[in-house]
Each structure stands twice: as structure tokens, then as C-alpha cells.
Amino acid sequence: MPDLGGLILQKMKIARIYTGDDNKSHFDEIEIEIAPNLSGLVSELIPATGVIFRETGGDYDYDFHNAPRRQYVVNLDGAVEITLGSGDKRVFGPGEVFLAEDTEGQGHISRAVDGKVRHSLFIALD
């Protein structure tokens, strides 16, 4: 990690879902730089256009669909299983964040995990 005059940058890793050249969604990982300040480790401000609060039922099972916009999804409780056209799957649990950018192409499947209600926060980027 680079040392910037005593400030040690660290990186927070966040999963990303994006559309590849094959028109299918893929997982990737991005890194957000965070640096010490008075309140802990903080990133630079990331511009956003709005926030959406959401509750999905324990029977939630949404077949292939695209993200409606570029957005961060923050799980507050419960979990969601995301399946891609390639068959790759990941479960995102409480407190986990991912960036949904697959606004075109085949999209992804979203399912509730263990029949539990999930509360989440969408942070719209455009």
C-alpha cells in the first residue's frame, strides 16, 4: 500500500456484476481506496443520484433480469443468491455490498436464501 505522507491507503473489495462481450453477466471485483481520517478509514466521495429502500419476501425468485441502472446494493439483513448465465453463483449476506452494472444482455437471477425476508438499500449511480 502506498504511503502518502503518513497516510496509508487501504482497499475495500466489492463484488461487481457486469455484462461481458458475450452478452452474459459476469462477476468481477473492484477495489475502493480508503484512507485514515478522524472517523476511521474513509473513501473519497462517490457521486450518487438517489437511494431506494427495498424489502423482498422469503419466496423471492426473480428469473433473468438486468439491473435497472448502475447501482450499489447493500444488504441490511437476510441474503440473496445471484446466479449468472454461466452458472456462477454467489450469496451476499447481511452487511455485504455489490455493484450491479449488468444493465443489458442476459442479466442475472436473484433468489431469497433460506426463505428469509431481506431488507436492502440501492444506491443509484446514474
N, C-alpha and C. Protein backbone atom coordinates (compact mmCIF):
# COMPACT_ATOMS: atom_id res chain seq x y z
N MET A 1 0.84 -1.17 0.00
CA MET A 1 0.00 0.00 0.00
C MET A 1 0.89 1.24 0.00
N PRO A 2 0.58 2.23 -0.83
CA PRO A 2 1.42 3.42 -0.87
C PRO A 2 1.31 4.25 0.40
N ASP A 3 2.41 4.89 0.78
CA ASP A 3 2.42 5.77 1.94
C ASP A 3 2.40 7.20 1.44
N LEU A 4 1.34 7.92 1.73
CA LEU A 4 1.19 9.30 1.27
C LEU A 4 1.38 10.25 2.44
N GLY A 5 2.62 10.55 2.75
CA GLY A 5 2.89 11.48 3.84
C GLY A 5 2.32 11.02 5.15
N GLY A 6 2.49 9.75 5.48
CA GLY A 6 1.98 9.23 6.74
C GLY A 6 0.60 8.59 6.60
N LEU A 7 -0.11 8.87 5.51
CA LEU A 7 -1.43 8.24 5.31
C LEU A 7 -1.23 6.93 4.57
N ILE A 8 -1.70 5.86 5.14
CA ILE A 8 -1.58 4.56 4.50
C ILE A 8 -2.92 4.22 3.86
N LEU A 9 -2.92 4.12 2.54
CA LEU A 9 -4.15 3.75 1.84
C LEU A 9 -4.39 2.25 1.98
N GLN A 10 -5.64 1.91 2.12
CA GLN A 10 -6.04 0.52 2.11
C GLN A 10 -7.11 0.37 1.05
N LYS A 11 -7.53 -0.84 0.78
CA LYS A 11 -8.54 -1.07 -0.25
C LYS A 11 -9.66 -1.94 0.30
N MET A 12 -10.89 -1.52 0.02
CA MET A 12 -12.07 -2.31 0.36
C MET A 12 -12.49 -3.00 -0.93
N LYS A 13 -12.67 -4.31 -0.88
CA LYS A 13 -13.05 -5.07 -2.08
C LYS A 13 -14.56 -5.23 -2.13
N ILE A 14 -15.11 -5.01 -3.33
CA ILE A 14 -16.55 -5.09 -3.55
C ILE A 14 -16.79 -5.91 -4.82
N ALA A 15 -17.73 -6.84 -4.75
CA ALA A 15 -18.10 -7.63 -5.93
C ALA A 15 -18.80 -6.74 -6.94
N ARG A 16 -18.60 -7.06 -8.20
CA ARG A 16 -19.22 -6.30 -9.31
C ARG A 16 -19.86 -7.31 -10.25
N ILE A 17 -21.05 -6.98 -10.73
CA ILE A 17 -21.73 -7.77 -11.76
C ILE A 17 -21.78 -6.90 -13.01
N TYR A 18 -21.25 -7.40 -14.12
CA TYR A 18 -21.20 -6.60 -15.35
C TYR A 18 -21.51 -7.48 -16.55
N THR A 19 -21.84 -6.86 -17.68
CA THR A 19 -22.11 -7.57 -18.92
C THR A 19 -20.83 -7.66 -19.74
N GLY A 20 -20.45 -8.88 -20.10
CA GLY A 20 -19.25 -9.10 -20.90
C GLY A 20 -19.54 -9.03 -22.40
N ASP A 21 -18.48 -9.20 -23.18
CA ASP A 21 -18.61 -9.19 -24.64
C ASP A 21 -19.50 -10.32 -25.16
N ASP A 22 -19.68 -11.36 -24.35
CA ASP A 22 -20.53 -12.49 -24.73
C ASP A 22 -22.00 -12.25 -24.42
N ASN A 23 -22.34 -11.03 -23.95
CA ASN A 23 -23.71 -10.63 -23.64
C ASN A 23 -24.25 -11.31 -22.37
N LYS A 24 -23.35 -11.95 -21.60
CA LYS A 24 -23.73 -12.58 -20.34
C LYS A 24 -23.14 -11.78 -19.18
N SER A 25 -23.78 -11.92 -18.03
CA SER A 25 -23.27 -11.25 -16.84
C SER A 25 -22.12 -12.05 -16.25
N HIS A 26 -21.18 -11.33 -15.64
CA HIS A 26 -20.00 -11.93 -15.02
C HIS A 26 -19.75 -11.26 -13.68
N PHE A 27 -19.05 -11.99 -12.80
CA PHE A 27 -18.58 -11.42 -11.54
C PHE A 27 -17.17 -10.90 -11.73
N ASP A 28 -16.88 -9.85 -11.03
CA ASP A 28 -15.55 -9.25 -11.00
C ASP A 28 -15.41 -8.67 -9.60
N GLU A 29 -14.29 -8.09 -9.32
CA GLU A 29 -14.08 -7.45 -8.03
C GLU A 29 -13.45 -6.09 -8.28
N ILE A 30 -13.97 -5.08 -7.59
CA ILE A 30 -13.35 -3.76 -7.66
C ILE A 30 -12.77 -3.44 -6.29
N GLU A 31 -11.86 -2.51 -6.28
CA GLU A 31 -11.25 -2.08 -5.03
C GLU A 31 -11.49 -0.60 -4.85
N ILE A 32 -12.01 -0.24 -3.69
CA ILE A 32 -12.25 1.16 -3.34
C ILE A 32 -11.15 1.55 -2.36
N GLU A 33 -10.39 2.59 -2.71
CA GLU A 33 -9.33 3.05 -1.80
C GLU A 33 -9.96 3.75 -0.60
N ILE A 34 -9.46 3.39 0.58
CA ILE A 34 -9.90 4.04 1.81
C ILE A 34 -8.65 4.47 2.58
N ALA A 35 -8.75 5.60 3.24
CA ALA A 35 -7.61 6.15 3.97
C ALA A 35 -8.06 6.63 5.34
N PRO A 36 -7.14 6.65 6.29
CA PRO A 36 -7.50 7.09 7.64
C PRO A 36 -7.96 8.54 7.68
N ASN A 37 -8.95 8.78 8.51
CA ASN A 37 -9.34 10.15 8.88
C ASN A 37 -9.84 10.08 10.32
N LEU A 38 -10.41 11.14 10.82
CA LEU A 38 -10.80 11.17 12.23
C LEU A 38 -11.83 10.12 12.60
N SER A 39 -12.64 9.68 11.63
CA SER A 39 -13.72 8.73 11.95
C SER A 39 -13.42 7.31 11.50
N GLY A 40 -12.20 7.02 11.13
CA GLY A 40 -11.86 5.66 10.69
C GLY A 40 -11.24 5.69 9.31
N LEU A 41 -11.47 4.66 8.53
CA LEU A 41 -10.99 4.59 7.16
C LEU A 41 -12.13 4.99 6.24
N VAL A 42 -11.88 5.95 5.35
CA VAL A 42 -12.94 6.54 4.53
C VAL A 42 -12.48 6.66 3.08
N SER A 43 -13.41 6.41 2.15
CA SER A 43 -13.12 6.60 0.72
C SER A 43 -13.37 8.04 0.33
N GLU A 44 -13.01 8.35 -0.91
CA GLU A 44 -13.42 9.62 -1.50
C GLU A 44 -14.93 9.55 -1.71
N LEU A 45 -15.57 10.72 -1.87
CA LEU A 45 -16.99 10.78 -2.14
C LEU A 45 -17.28 10.18 -3.51
N ILE A 46 -18.24 9.27 -3.58
CA ILE A 46 -18.69 8.68 -4.84
C ILE A 46 -20.04 9.31 -5.17
N PRO A 47 -20.13 10.04 -6.28
CA PRO A 47 -21.42 10.69 -6.61
C PRO A 47 -22.52 9.65 -6.83
N ALA A 48 -23.71 9.95 -6.33
CA ALA A 48 -24.87 9.08 -6.49
C ALA A 48 -26.07 9.96 -6.82
N THR A 49 -27.12 9.33 -7.37
CA THR A 49 -28.29 10.12 -7.77
C THR A 49 -29.52 9.85 -6.92
N GLY A 50 -29.50 8.82 -6.09
CA GLY A 50 -30.65 8.54 -5.25
C GLY A 50 -30.47 7.26 -4.46
N VAL A 51 -31.38 7.05 -3.53
CA VAL A 51 -31.35 5.87 -2.66
C VAL A 51 -32.74 5.24 -2.68
N ILE A 52 -32.78 3.91 -2.77
CA ILE A 52 -34.03 3.16 -2.76
C ILE A 52 -33.96 2.16 -1.61
N PHE A 53 -35.00 2.12 -0.77
CA PHE A 53 -35.10 1.13 0.30
C PHE A 53 -35.99 0.00 -0.22
N ARG A 54 -35.62 -1.25 0.07
CA ARG A 54 -36.37 -2.37 -0.50
C ARG A 54 -36.51 -3.50 0.50
N GLU A 55 -37.68 -4.15 0.45
CA GLU A 55 -37.91 -5.38 1.20
C GLU A 55 -38.37 -6.43 0.21
N THR A 56 -37.73 -7.60 0.24
CA THR A 56 -38.15 -8.71 -0.61
C THR A 56 -38.53 -9.87 0.30
N GLY A 57 -39.59 -10.58 -0.10
CA GLY A 57 -40.10 -11.69 0.70
C GLY A 57 -39.20 -12.91 0.65
N GLY A 58 -39.45 -13.82 1.54
CA GLY A 58 -38.67 -15.05 1.62
C GLY A 58 -38.88 -15.98 0.45
N ASP A 59 -39.92 -15.72 -0.36
CA ASP A 59 -40.18 -16.53 -1.55
C ASP A 59 -39.69 -15.85 -2.83
N TYR A 60 -38.91 -14.78 -2.67
CA TYR A 60 -38.40 -14.01 -3.80
C TYR A 60 -37.58 -14.90 -4.72
N ASP A 61 -37.93 -14.93 -6.02
CA ASP A 61 -37.22 -15.72 -7.02
C ASP A 61 -37.44 -15.04 -8.36
N TYR A 62 -36.52 -14.17 -8.74
CA TYR A 62 -36.68 -13.33 -9.93
C TYR A 62 -35.78 -13.88 -11.03
N ASP A 63 -36.40 -14.42 -12.09
CA ASP A 63 -35.67 -15.03 -13.20
C ASP A 63 -34.76 -13.99 -13.87
N PHE A 64 -34.07 -14.36 -14.93
CA PHE A 64 -33.10 -13.48 -15.57
C PHE A 64 -33.66 -12.08 -15.80
N HIS A 65 -32.91 -11.11 -15.34
CA HIS A 65 -33.28 -9.70 -15.48
C HIS A 65 -32.01 -8.87 -15.43
N ASN A 66 -32.11 -7.66 -15.90
CA ASN A 66 -30.98 -6.72 -15.86
C ASN A 66 -31.14 -5.77 -14.68
N ALA A 67 -30.02 -5.26 -14.21
CA ALA A 67 -30.08 -4.16 -13.24
C ALA A 67 -30.74 -2.98 -13.96
N PRO A 68 -31.66 -2.27 -13.31
CA PRO A 68 -32.35 -1.16 -13.97
C PRO A 68 -31.46 0.07 -14.18
N ARG A 69 -30.34 0.09 -13.49
CA ARG A 69 -29.38 1.20 -13.56
C ARG A 69 -28.11 0.71 -12.89
N ARG A 70 -27.02 1.42 -13.04
CA ARG A 70 -25.81 1.13 -12.25
C ARG A 70 -26.13 1.48 -10.81
N GLN A 71 -25.91 0.52 -9.90
CA GLN A 71 -26.26 0.78 -8.51
C GLN A 71 -25.48 -0.13 -7.57
N TYR A 72 -25.16 0.43 -6.42
CA TYR A 72 -24.64 -0.38 -5.33
C TYR A 72 -25.84 -1.00 -4.63
N VAL A 73 -25.73 -2.26 -4.24
CA VAL A 73 -26.76 -2.94 -3.46
C VAL A 73 -26.12 -3.29 -2.12
N VAL A 74 -26.75 -2.82 -1.05
CA VAL A 74 -26.25 -3.04 0.31
C VAL A 74 -27.28 -3.91 1.02
N ASN A 75 -26.89 -5.12 1.41
CA ASN A 75 -27.78 -5.99 2.17
C ASN A 75 -27.76 -5.57 3.63
N LEU A 76 -28.93 -5.26 4.16
CA LEU A 76 -29.03 -4.88 5.56
C LEU A 76 -29.25 -6.11 6.44
N ASP A 77 -30.09 -7.03 5.95
CA ASP A 77 -30.29 -8.31 6.63
C ASP A 77 -30.75 -9.31 5.59
N GLY A 78 -30.88 -10.56 5.98
CA GLY A 78 -31.22 -11.59 5.00
C GLY A 78 -30.08 -11.80 4.03
N ALA A 79 -30.36 -12.50 2.94
CA ALA A 79 -29.34 -12.78 1.94
C ALA A 79 -29.99 -12.94 0.58
N VAL A 80 -29.18 -12.80 -0.46
CA VAL A 80 -29.64 -13.01 -1.83
C VAL A 80 -28.62 -13.88 -2.55
N GLU A 81 -29.13 -14.82 -3.32
CA GLU A 81 -28.28 -15.64 -4.17
C GLU A 81 -28.37 -15.09 -5.59
N ILE A 82 -27.24 -14.74 -6.17
CA ILE A 82 -27.19 -14.23 -7.54
C ILE A 82 -26.60 -15.31 -8.43
N THR A 83 -27.32 -15.66 -9.51
CA THR A 83 -26.86 -16.66 -10.48
C THR A 83 -26.69 -15.99 -11.83
N LEU A 84 -25.58 -16.27 -12.48
CA LEU A 84 -25.29 -15.72 -13.80
C LEU A 84 -25.55 -16.76 -14.88
N GLY A 85 -25.60 -16.33 -16.14
CA GLY A 85 -25.83 -17.24 -17.26
C GLY A 85 -24.80 -18.35 -17.35
N SER A 86 -23.59 -18.09 -16.88
CA SER A 86 -22.52 -19.09 -16.90
C SER A 86 -22.73 -20.17 -15.85
N GLY A 87 -23.68 -19.94 -14.94
CA GLY A 87 -23.90 -20.87 -13.84
C GLY A 87 -23.19 -20.46 -12.57
N ASP A 88 -22.30 -19.46 -12.65
CA ASP A 88 -21.63 -18.96 -11.45
C ASP A 88 -22.67 -18.40 -10.49
N LYS A 89 -22.50 -18.70 -9.19
CA LYS A 89 -23.43 -18.23 -8.17
C LYS A 89 -22.64 -17.65 -7.01
N ARG A 90 -23.24 -16.66 -6.38
CA ARG A 90 -22.69 -16.13 -5.13
C ARG A 90 -23.85 -15.75 -4.23
N VAL A 91 -23.63 -15.92 -2.94
CA VAL A 91 -24.60 -15.49 -1.94
C VAL A 91 -24.03 -14.27 -1.25
N PHE A 92 -24.84 -13.21 -1.18
CA PHE A 92 -24.45 -11.98 -0.50
C PHE A 92 -25.32 -11.87 0.75
N GLY A 93 -24.67 -11.84 1.90
CA GLY A 93 -25.37 -11.83 3.18
C GLY A 93 -25.44 -10.46 3.81
N PRO A 94 -25.87 -10.40 5.06
CA PRO A 94 -26.02 -9.13 5.77
C PRO A 94 -24.72 -8.34 5.80
N GLY A 95 -24.82 -7.05 5.48
CA GLY A 95 -23.67 -6.16 5.51
C GLY A 95 -22.82 -6.21 4.25
N GLU A 96 -23.11 -7.11 3.33
CA GLU A 96 -22.31 -7.19 2.11
C GLU A 96 -22.84 -6.22 1.05
N VAL A 97 -21.92 -5.78 0.20
CA VAL A 97 -22.23 -4.78 -0.84
C VAL A 97 -21.77 -5.34 -2.18
N PHE A 98 -22.58 -5.12 -3.23
CA PHE A 98 -22.10 -5.41 -4.57
C PHE A 98 -22.56 -4.31 -5.51
N LEU A 99 -21.84 -4.19 -6.61
CA LEU A 99 -22.14 -3.18 -7.63
C LEU A 99 -22.79 -3.88 -8.81
N ALA A 100 -24.04 -3.54 -9.11
CA ALA A 100 -24.76 -4.13 -10.23
C ALA A 100 -24.63 -3.20 -11.44
N GLU A 101 -23.97 -3.69 -12.47
CA GLU A 101 -23.78 -2.91 -13.70
C GLU A 101 -24.22 -3.67 -14.95
N ASP A 102 -24.90 -4.78 -14.78
CA ASP A 102 -25.33 -5.56 -15.95
C ASP A 102 -26.69 -5.04 -16.44
N THR A 103 -26.66 -3.83 -16.98
CA THR A 103 -27.88 -3.15 -17.42
C THR A 103 -28.36 -3.60 -18.80
N GLU A 104 -27.60 -4.45 -19.45
CA GLU A 104 -28.01 -5.01 -20.74
C GLU A 104 -27.52 -6.45 -20.81
N GLY A 105 -27.90 -7.15 -21.88
CA GLY A 105 -27.50 -8.55 -22.03
C GLY A 105 -28.46 -9.48 -21.31
N GLN A 106 -27.98 -10.68 -20.99
CA GLN A 106 -28.81 -11.73 -20.39
C GLN A 106 -29.25 -11.39 -18.97
N GLY A 107 -28.41 -10.71 -18.24
CA GLY A 107 -28.76 -10.36 -16.86
C GLY A 107 -28.42 -11.47 -15.89
N HIS A 108 -29.11 -11.48 -14.75
CA HIS A 108 -28.84 -12.41 -13.67
C HIS A 108 -30.14 -12.83 -12.99
N ILE A 109 -30.07 -13.89 -12.21
CA ILE A 109 -31.20 -14.37 -11.42
C ILE A 109 -30.94 -13.97 -9.97
N SER A 110 -31.99 -13.53 -9.27
CA SER A 110 -31.89 -13.20 -7.84
C SER A 110 -32.88 -14.06 -7.07
N ARG A 111 -32.42 -14.68 -5.97
CA ARG A 111 -33.30 -15.53 -5.16
C ARG A 111 -33.08 -15.26 -3.68
N ALA A 112 -34.16 -15.38 -2.94
CA ALA A 112 -34.07 -15.33 -1.48
C ALA A 112 -33.30 -16.56 -1.00
N VAL A 113 -32.69 -16.44 0.17
CA VAL A 113 -31.92 -17.54 0.76
C VAL A 113 -32.61 -17.97 2.05
N ASP A 114 -32.79 -19.27 2.20
CA ASP A 114 -33.37 -19.86 3.41
C ASP A 114 -34.77 -19.34 3.73
N GLY A 115 -35.51 -18.87 2.71
CA GLY A 115 -36.88 -18.42 2.92
C GLY A 115 -37.02 -17.19 3.80
N LYS A 116 -35.95 -16.40 3.91
CA LYS A 116 -35.98 -15.23 4.81
C LYS A 116 -36.21 -13.93 4.05
N VAL A 117 -36.93 -13.03 4.68
CA VAL A 117 -37.13 -11.67 4.16
C VAL A 117 -35.78 -10.97 4.13
N ARG A 118 -35.58 -10.13 3.12
CA ARG A 118 -34.33 -9.37 3.02
C ARG A 118 -34.65 -7.89 2.90
N HIS A 119 -33.94 -7.08 3.68
CA HIS A 119 -34.00 -5.63 3.54
C HIS A 119 -32.69 -5.18 2.91
N SER A 120 -32.81 -4.31 1.92
CA SER A 120 -31.60 -3.84 1.24
C SER A 120 -31.76 -2.38 0.85
N LEU A 121 -30.67 -1.82 0.48
CA LEU A 121 -30.56 -0.41 0.11
C LEU A 121 -29.91 -0.37 -1.25
N PHE A 122 -30.52 0.32 -2.21
CA PHE A 122 -29.93 0.51 -3.53
C PHE A 122 -29.45 1.95 -3.62
N ILE A 123 -28.21 2.14 -4.01
CA ILE A 123 -27.64 3.48 -4.18
C ILE A 123 -27.43 3.68 -5.67
N ALA A 124 -28.31 4.45 -6.29
CA ALA A 124 -28.28 4.66 -7.74
C ALA A 124 -27.10 5.57 -8.13
N LEU A 125 -26.37 5.13 -9.16
CA LEU A 125 -25.20 5.89 -9.60
C LEU A 125 -25.47 6.73 -10.84
N ASP A 126 -26.49 6.41 -11.61
CA ASP A 126 -26.84 7.23 -12.78
C ASP A 126 -28.30 7.04 -13.15
